[in-house]
C-alpha atoms as a PDB file:
ATOM      1  CA  MET A   1      16.832 -36.911  44.563  1.00  0.00           C
ATOM      2  CA  GLU A   2      17.698 -34.067  42.186  1.00  0.00           C
ATOM      3  CA  ALA A   3      19.808 -36.431  40.064  1.00  0.00           C
ATOM      4  CA  LEU A   4      16.829 -38.779  39.699  1.00  0.00           C
ATOM      5  CA  CYS A   5      14.625 -35.871  38.638  1.00  0.00           C
ATOM      6  CA  ILE A   6      17.144 -34.848  35.982  1.00  0.00           C
ATOM      7  CA  GLN A   7      17.413 -38.434  34.731  1.00  0.00           C
ATOM      8  CA  LEU A   8      13.621 -38.703  34.476  1.00  0.00           C
ATOM      9  CA  MET A   9      13.482 -35.455  32.512  1.00  0.00           C
ATOM     10  CA  PHE A  10      15.708 -37.097  29.876  1.00  0.00           C
ATOM     11  CA  GLN A  11      13.424 -40.144  29.802  1.00  0.00           C
ATOM     12  CA  LEU A  12      10.134 -38.243  29.545  1.00  0.00           C
ATOM     13  CA  GLY A  13      11.027 -35.055  27.694  1.00  0.00           C
ATOM     14  CA  VAL A  14       8.970 -33.044  30.186  1.00  0.00           C
ATOM     15  CA  ARG A  15       9.470 -29.434  31.144  1.00  0.00           C
ATOM     16  CA  ILE A  16      11.286 -28.930  34.445  1.00  0.00           C
ATOM     17  CA  GLU A  17       8.165 -27.278  35.881  1.00  0.00           C
ATOM     18  CA  GLU A  18       6.229 -30.445  35.009  1.00  0.00           C
ATOM     19  CA  SER A  19       8.841 -32.845  36.402  1.00  0.00           C
ATOM     20  CA  VAL A  20       8.821 -31.337  39.893  1.00  0.00           C
ATOM     21  CA  ALA A  21       5.008 -31.537  39.978  1.00  0.00           C
ATOM     22  CA  LEU A  22       4.787 -35.269  39.213  1.00  0.00           C
ATOM     23  CA  LYS A  23       3.021 -37.425  41.767  1.00  0.00           C
ATOM     24  CA  PHE A  24       3.166 -41.173  42.314  1.00  0.00           C
ATOM     25  CA  SER A  25      -0.623 -41.177  41.762  1.00  0.00           C
ATOM     26  CA  ASP A  26      -0.030 -39.954  38.174  1.00  0.00           C
ATOM     27  CA  ILE A  27       1.269 -43.411  37.207  1.00  0.00           C
ATOM     28  CA  GLU A  28      -1.156 -45.945  35.782  1.00  0.00           C
ATOM     29  CA  TYR A  29      -0.918 -48.811  33.280  1.00  0.00           C
ATOM     30  CA  GLY A  30       2.706 -48.119  32.341  1.00  0.00           C
ATOM     31  CA  LYS A  31       2.032 -44.445  31.621  1.00  0.00           C
ATOM     32  CA  ILE A  32       2.421 -41.224  33.557  1.00  0.00           C
ATOM     33  CA  ALA A  33      -0.076 -38.374  33.338  1.00  0.00           C
ATOM     34  CA  ILE A  34       1.448 -34.939  32.891  1.00  0.00           C
ATOM     35  CA  GLN A  35      -1.301 -32.703  34.239  1.00  0.00           C
ATOM     36  CA  ARG A  36       0.158 -30.053  36.515  1.00  0.00           C
ATOM     37  CA  MET A  37       3.174 -27.813  36.776  1.00  0.00           C
ATOM     38  CA  GLU A  38       5.063 -25.474  39.044  1.00  0.00           C
ATOM     39  CA  GLU A  39       4.292 -21.845  38.311  1.00  0.00           C
ATOM     40  CA  LYS A  40       5.798 -18.630  39.638  1.00  0.00           C
ATOM     41  CA  VAL A  41       3.521 -16.524  41.823  1.00  0.00           C
ATOM     42  CA  LEU A  42       3.602 -12.808  41.077  1.00  0.00           C
ATOM     43  CA  VAL A  43       2.056 -10.120  43.247  1.00  0.00           C
ATOM     44  CA  PHE A  44       1.427  -6.515  42.305  1.00  0.00           C
ATOM     45  CA  ASP A  45       2.726  -4.046  44.901  1.00  0.00           C
ATOM     46  CA  GLY A  46       1.018  -1.024  43.332  1.00  0.00           C
ATOM     47  CA  LYS A  47       3.950  -0.245  41.046  1.00  0.00           C
ATOM     48  CA  SER A  48       5.177  -3.508  39.612  1.00  0.00           C
ATOM     49  CA  PHE A  49       4.892  -7.269  39.840  1.00  0.00           C
ATOM     50  CA  LYS A  50       7.154  -9.007  42.346  1.00  0.00           C
ATOM     51  CA  SER A  51       7.954 -12.692  42.739  1.00  0.00           C
ATOM     52  CA  ALA A  52       6.194 -14.344  45.668  1.00  0.00           C
ATOM     53  CA  GLY A  53       7.526 -17.873  45.290  1.00  0.00           C
ATOM     54  CA  VAL A  54       6.067 -20.791  43.382  1.00  0.00           C
ATOM     55  CA  GLN A  55       2.960 -22.946  43.514  1.00  0.00           C
ATOM     56  CA  ILE A  56       1.642 -26.083  41.857  1.00  0.00           C
ATOM     57  CA  VAL A  57      -1.189 -25.452  39.409  1.00  0.00           C
ATOM     58  CA  GLU A  58      -3.491 -28.076  37.929  1.00  0.00           C
ATOM     59  CA  HIS A  59      -2.878 -27.142  34.298  1.00  0.00           C
ATOM     60  CA  LEU A  60      -0.049 -27.109  31.781  1.00  0.00           C
ATOM     61  CA  LYS A  61       1.394 -24.310  29.665  1.00  0.00           C
ATOM     62  CA  LYS A  62      -1.279 -22.027  28.277  1.00  0.00           C
ATOM     63  CA  GLU A  63      -0.530 -22.675  24.593  1.00  0.00           C
ATOM     64  CA  ASN A  64      -1.303 -26.375  24.938  1.00  0.00           C
ATOM     65  CA  ASP A  65      -4.678 -27.392  23.564  1.00  0.00           C
ATOM     66  CA  SER A  66      -4.902 -30.268  26.032  1.00  0.00           C
ATOM     67  CA  GLU A  67      -5.360 -30.222  29.779  1.00  0.00           C
ATOM     68  CA  TYR A  68      -2.955 -33.137  30.165  1.00  0.00           C
ATOM     69  CA  ARG A  69      -1.020 -35.792  28.306  1.00  0.00           C
ATOM     70  CA  PHE A  70       0.149 -39.338  28.934  1.00  0.00           C
ATOM     71  CA  ILE A  71       3.697 -40.526  28.335  1.00  0.00           C
ATOM     72  CA  LEU A  72       4.659 -44.178  28.134  1.00  0.00           C
ATOM     73  CA  LEU A  73       7.184 -45.117  30.807  1.00  0.00           C
ATOM     74  CA  THR A  74      10.375 -46.692  29.518  1.00  0.00           C
ATOM     75  CA  ASP A  75      12.081 -49.386  31.579  1.00  0.00           C
ATOM     76  CA  VAL A  76      14.661 -46.814  32.682  1.00  0.00           C
ATOM     77  CA  ALA A  77      11.917 -44.343  33.694  1.00  0.00           C
ATOM     78  CA  LYS A  78      10.229 -47.046  35.783  1.00  0.00           C
ATOM     79  CA  GLU A  79      13.541 -47.787  37.510  1.00  0.00           C
ATOM     80  CA  ILE A  80      14.121 -44.085  38.272  1.00  0.00           C
ATOM     81  CA  ILE A  81      10.636 -43.831  39.794  1.00  0.00           C
ATOM     82  CA  ARG A  82      11.232 -47.036  41.805  1.00  0.00           C
ATOM     83  CA  LYS A  83      14.438 -45.506  43.244  1.00  0.00           C
ATOM     84  CA  ALA A  84      12.602 -42.269  44.066  1.00  0.00           C
ATOM     85  CA  LYS A  85       9.915 -44.274  45.891  1.00  0.00           C
ATOM     86  CA  LEU A  86      12.589 -46.034  47.966  1.00  0.00           C
ATOM     87  CA  LEU A  87      14.046 -42.667  48.957  1.00  0.00           C
ATOM     88  CA  ASN A  88      10.622 -41.085  49.463  1.00  0.00           C
ATOM     89  CA  PRO A  89       8.235 -43.897  50.517  1.00  0.00           C
ATOM     90  CA  ASP A  90       5.592 -41.634  52.055  1.00  0.00           C
ATOM     91  CA  GLY A  91       5.798 -38.720  49.631  1.00  0.00           C
ATOM     92  CA  GLU A  92       2.949 -37.422  47.510  1.00  0.00           C
ATOM     93  CA  PHE A  93       5.278 -35.971  44.890  1.00  0.00           C
ATOM     94  CA  ILE A  94       7.823 -38.238  43.232  1.00  0.00           C
ATOM     95  CA  PHE A  95      10.649 -35.842  43.942  1.00  0.00           C
ATOM     96  CA  GLU A  96      10.660 -34.749  47.571  1.00  0.00           C
ATOM     97  CA  ARG A  97      13.427 -34.270  50.092  1.00  0.00           C
ATOM     98  CA  ASN A  98      12.597 -34.296  53.818  1.00  0.00           C
ATOM     99  CA  GLY A  99       8.886 -34.016  53.042  1.00  0.00           C
ATOM    100  CA  GLU A 100       9.329 -30.979  50.791  1.00  0.00           C
ATOM    101  CA  ARG A 101       8.757 -31.067  47.038  1.00  0.00           C
ATOM    102  CA  LEU A 102      11.797 -30.226  44.936  1.00  0.00           C
ATOM    103  CA  THR A 103      11.479 -26.957  43.053  1.00  0.00           C
ATOM    104  CA  ALA A 104      12.483 -26.240  39.475  1.00  0.00           C
ATOM    105  CA  ARG A 105      15.014 -23.746  40.792  1.00  0.00           C
ATOM    106  CA  ALA A 106      16.699 -26.372  42.986  1.00  0.00           C
ATOM    107  CA  VAL A 107      16.851 -28.918  40.173  1.00  0.00           C
ATOM    108  CA  THR A 108      18.306 -26.289  37.818  1.00  0.00           C
ATOM    109  CA  TYR A 109      20.983 -25.493  40.397  1.00  0.00           C
ATOM    110  CA  TRP A 110      21.941 -29.163  40.710  1.00  0.00           C
ATOM    111  CA  LEU A 111      21.999 -29.659  36.944  1.00  0.00           C
ATOM    112  CA  SER A 112      24.444 -26.759  36.705  1.00  0.00           C
ATOM    113  CA  LYS A 113      26.551 -28.204  39.518  1.00  0.00           C
ATOM    114  CA  TYR A 114      26.629 -31.691  37.983  1.00  0.00           C
ATOM    115  CA  CYS A 115      27.713 -30.245  34.627  1.00  0.00           C
ATOM    116  CA  ARG A 116      30.441 -28.173  36.276  1.00  0.00           C
ATOM    117  CA  ASP A 117      31.673 -31.138  38.362  1.00  0.00           C
ATOM    118  CA  ALA A 118      31.746 -33.354  35.250  1.00  0.00           C
ATOM    119  CA  GLY A 119      33.644 -30.695  33.279  1.00  0.00           C
ATOM    120  CA  VAL A 120      30.963 -30.380  30.602  1.00  0.00           C
ATOM    121  CA  THR A 121      29.346 -27.253  29.204  1.00  0.00           C
ATOM    122  CA  TYR A 122      26.200 -26.365  31.122  1.00  0.00           C
ATOM    123  CA  LYS A 123      22.963 -26.975  29.300  1.00  0.00           C
ATOM    124  CA  SER A 124      19.670 -25.677  30.642  1.00  0.00           C
ATOM    125  CA  PRO A 125      16.879 -28.008  31.750  1.00  0.00           C
ATOM    126  CA  HIS A 126      15.102 -27.065  28.541  1.00  0.00           C
ATOM    127  CA  CYS A 127      17.962 -28.675  26.602  1.00  0.00           C
ATOM    128  CA  THR A 128      16.979 -32.034  28.082  1.00  0.00           C
ATOM    129  CA  ARG A 129      13.796 -31.781  26.005  1.00  0.00           C
ATOM    130  CA  ARG A 130      15.811 -31.164  22.843  1.00  0.00           C
ATOM    131  CA  THR A 131      18.065 -34.123  23.612  1.00  0.00           C
ATOM    132  CA  THR A 132      15.085 -36.393  24.244  1.00  0.00           C
ATOM    133  CA  ALA A 133      13.319 -35.255  21.055  1.00  0.00           C
ATOM    134  CA  SER A 134      16.485 -35.703  18.999  1.00  0.00           C
ATOM    135  CA  ARG A 135      17.204 -39.174  20.350  1.00  0.00           C
ATOM    136  CA  LEU A 136      13.627 -40.286  19.718  1.00  0.00           C
ATOM    137  CA  SER A 137      13.712 -38.883  16.198  1.00  0.00           C
ATOM    138  CA  ASN A 138      17.091 -40.475  15.503  1.00  0.00           C
ATOM    139  CA  GLU A 139      15.664 -43.866  16.485  1.00  0.00           C
ATOM    140  CA  GLY A 140      12.683 -43.408  14.153  1.00  0.00           C
ATOM    141  CA  LEU A 141       9.833 -42.419  16.487  1.00  0.00           C
ATOM    142  CA  PRO A 142       7.217 -40.602  14.371  1.00  0.00           C
ATOM    143  CA  LEU A 143       7.182 -36.809  14.644  1.00  0.00           C
ATOM    144  CA  ASP A 144       3.561 -36.671  15.805  1.00  0.00           C
ATOM    145  CA  MET A 145       4.371 -38.976  18.740  1.00  0.00           C
ATOM    146  CA  ILE A 146       7.399 -36.848  19.702  1.00  0.00           C
ATOM    147  CA  ARG A 147       5.180 -33.753  19.530  1.00  0.00           C
ATOM    148  CA  ASP A 148       2.650 -35.414  21.849  1.00  0.00           C
ATOM    149  CA  ILE A 149       5.343 -36.480  24.317  1.00  0.00           C
ATOM    150  CA  LEU A 150       6.723 -32.928  24.474  1.00  0.00           C
ATOM    151  CA  GLY A 151       3.212 -31.504  24.852  1.00  0.00           C
ATOM    152  CA  GLN A 152       3.468 -29.281  21.805  1.00  0.00           C
ATOM    153  CA  VAL A 153       0.648 -28.274  19.483  1.00  0.00           C
ATOM    154  CA  ASP A 154       2.560 -27.513  16.300  1.00  0.00           C
ATOM    155  CA  GLU A 155       4.903 -30.007  14.618  1.00  0.00           C
ATOM    156  CA  LYS A 156       6.999 -27.054  13.390  1.00  0.00           C
ATOM    157  CA  THR A 157       7.847 -26.329  17.030  1.00  0.00           C
ATOM    158  CA  THR A 158       8.819 -29.956  17.542  1.00  0.00           C
ATOM    159  CA  LEU A 159      11.013 -29.917  14.445  1.00  0.00           C
ATOM    160  CA  GLY A 160      12.851 -26.955  15.955  1.00  0.00           C
ATOM    161  CA  TYR A 161      13.758 -29.128  18.933  1.00  0.00           C
ATOM    162  CA  ILE A 162      15.335 -31.897  16.883  1.00  0.00           C
ATOM    163  CA  TYR A 163      19.015 -31.768  16.026  1.00  0.00           C
ATOM    164  CA  ASN A 164      21.350 -34.342  14.520  1.00  0.00           C
ATOM    165  CA  PRO A 165      22.982 -36.152  17.460  1.00  0.00           C
ATOM    166  CA  ASN A 166      25.274 -38.257  15.253  1.00  0.00           C
ATOM    167  CA  THR A 167      28.991 -37.873  14.925  1.00  0.00           C
ATOM    168  CA  GLU A 168      30.369 -37.110  11.464  1.00  0.00           C
ATOM    169  CA  GLN A 169      31.447 -40.758  11.117  1.00  0.00           C
ATOM    170  CA  GLU A 170      27.965 -42.006  12.076  1.00  0.00           C
ATOM    171  CA  ASN A 171      26.449 -39.708   9.431  1.00  0.00           C
ATOM    172  CA  LEU A 172      28.924 -41.026   6.837  1.00  0.00           C
ATOM    173  CA  ASP A 173      28.097 -44.631   7.773  1.00  0.00           C
ATOM    174  CA  ILE A 174      24.374 -43.927   7.332  1.00  0.00           C
ATOM    175  CA  MET A 175      24.995 -42.211   3.982  1.00  0.00           C
ATOM    176  CA  ASN A 176      27.174 -45.094   2.748  1.00  0.00           C
ATOM    177  CA  LYS A 177      24.568 -47.653   3.806  1.00  0.00           C
ATOM    178  CA  ALA A 178      21.697 -45.766   2.206  1.00  0.00           C
ATOM    179  CA  LEU A 179      23.448 -44.767  -0.997  1.00  0.00           C
ATOM    180  CA  ASN A 180      25.387 -47.990  -1.533  1.00  0.00           C
ATOM    181  CA  SER A 181      22.251 -50.090  -1.133  1.00  0.00           C
ATOM    182  CA  SER A 182      20.427 -47.978  -3.729  1.00  0.00           C
ATOM    183  CA  ASN A 183      23.379 -48.363  -6.138  1.00  0.00           C
ATOM    184  CA  LYS A 184      23.253 -52.149  -5.737  1.00  0.00           C
ATOM    185  CA  LYS A 185      19.529 -52.133  -6.536  1.00  0.00           C
ATOM    186  CA  ASN A 186      20.118 -49.985  -9.644  1.00  0.00           C
ATOM    187  CA  LYS A 187      22.904 -52.307 -10.908  1.00  0.00           C
ATOM    188  CA  LYS A 188      20.542 -55.318 -10.721  1.00  0.00           C
ATOM    189  CA  ASN A 189      18.001 -53.571 -13.004  1.00  0.00           C
END
């Protein structure tokens, strides 16, 4: 189940705290509503704040100006959710194991384990958002749409998430295509 959660994070660009709070009832008309998240519970013992576990809250990160957002479901995202439903037919949350909702901590652990087992450098769950944003940008999705998908207010923040995912050869191919086509146009004039 954790692997499906990680895969869906790459498809949706959601925060890990949002992914583990997704419910089957959030899906409607080919979209999924991102409207709640897992949040750490802190208690004050008279001297300092101590962790008291986690809870699901019906809001998103505080800096968002929206209470929720909708993300279009890709074909792959729909297939991941279908598989989760087969594994968890009676669950309220999409990602449950034995009737218990997966936590962000558990999914982070499994992401680390999968990276280690595959022999790749560990990347945090937050890096899945950067990968998603970069892939969407690379394929030409407008910046304002990427910002909305990520649930960010400022496009400058979104720009900070986008990196060039191309190899050096892919960049050279793009440059040759762009610059050679402009040279051909100039020669005709």
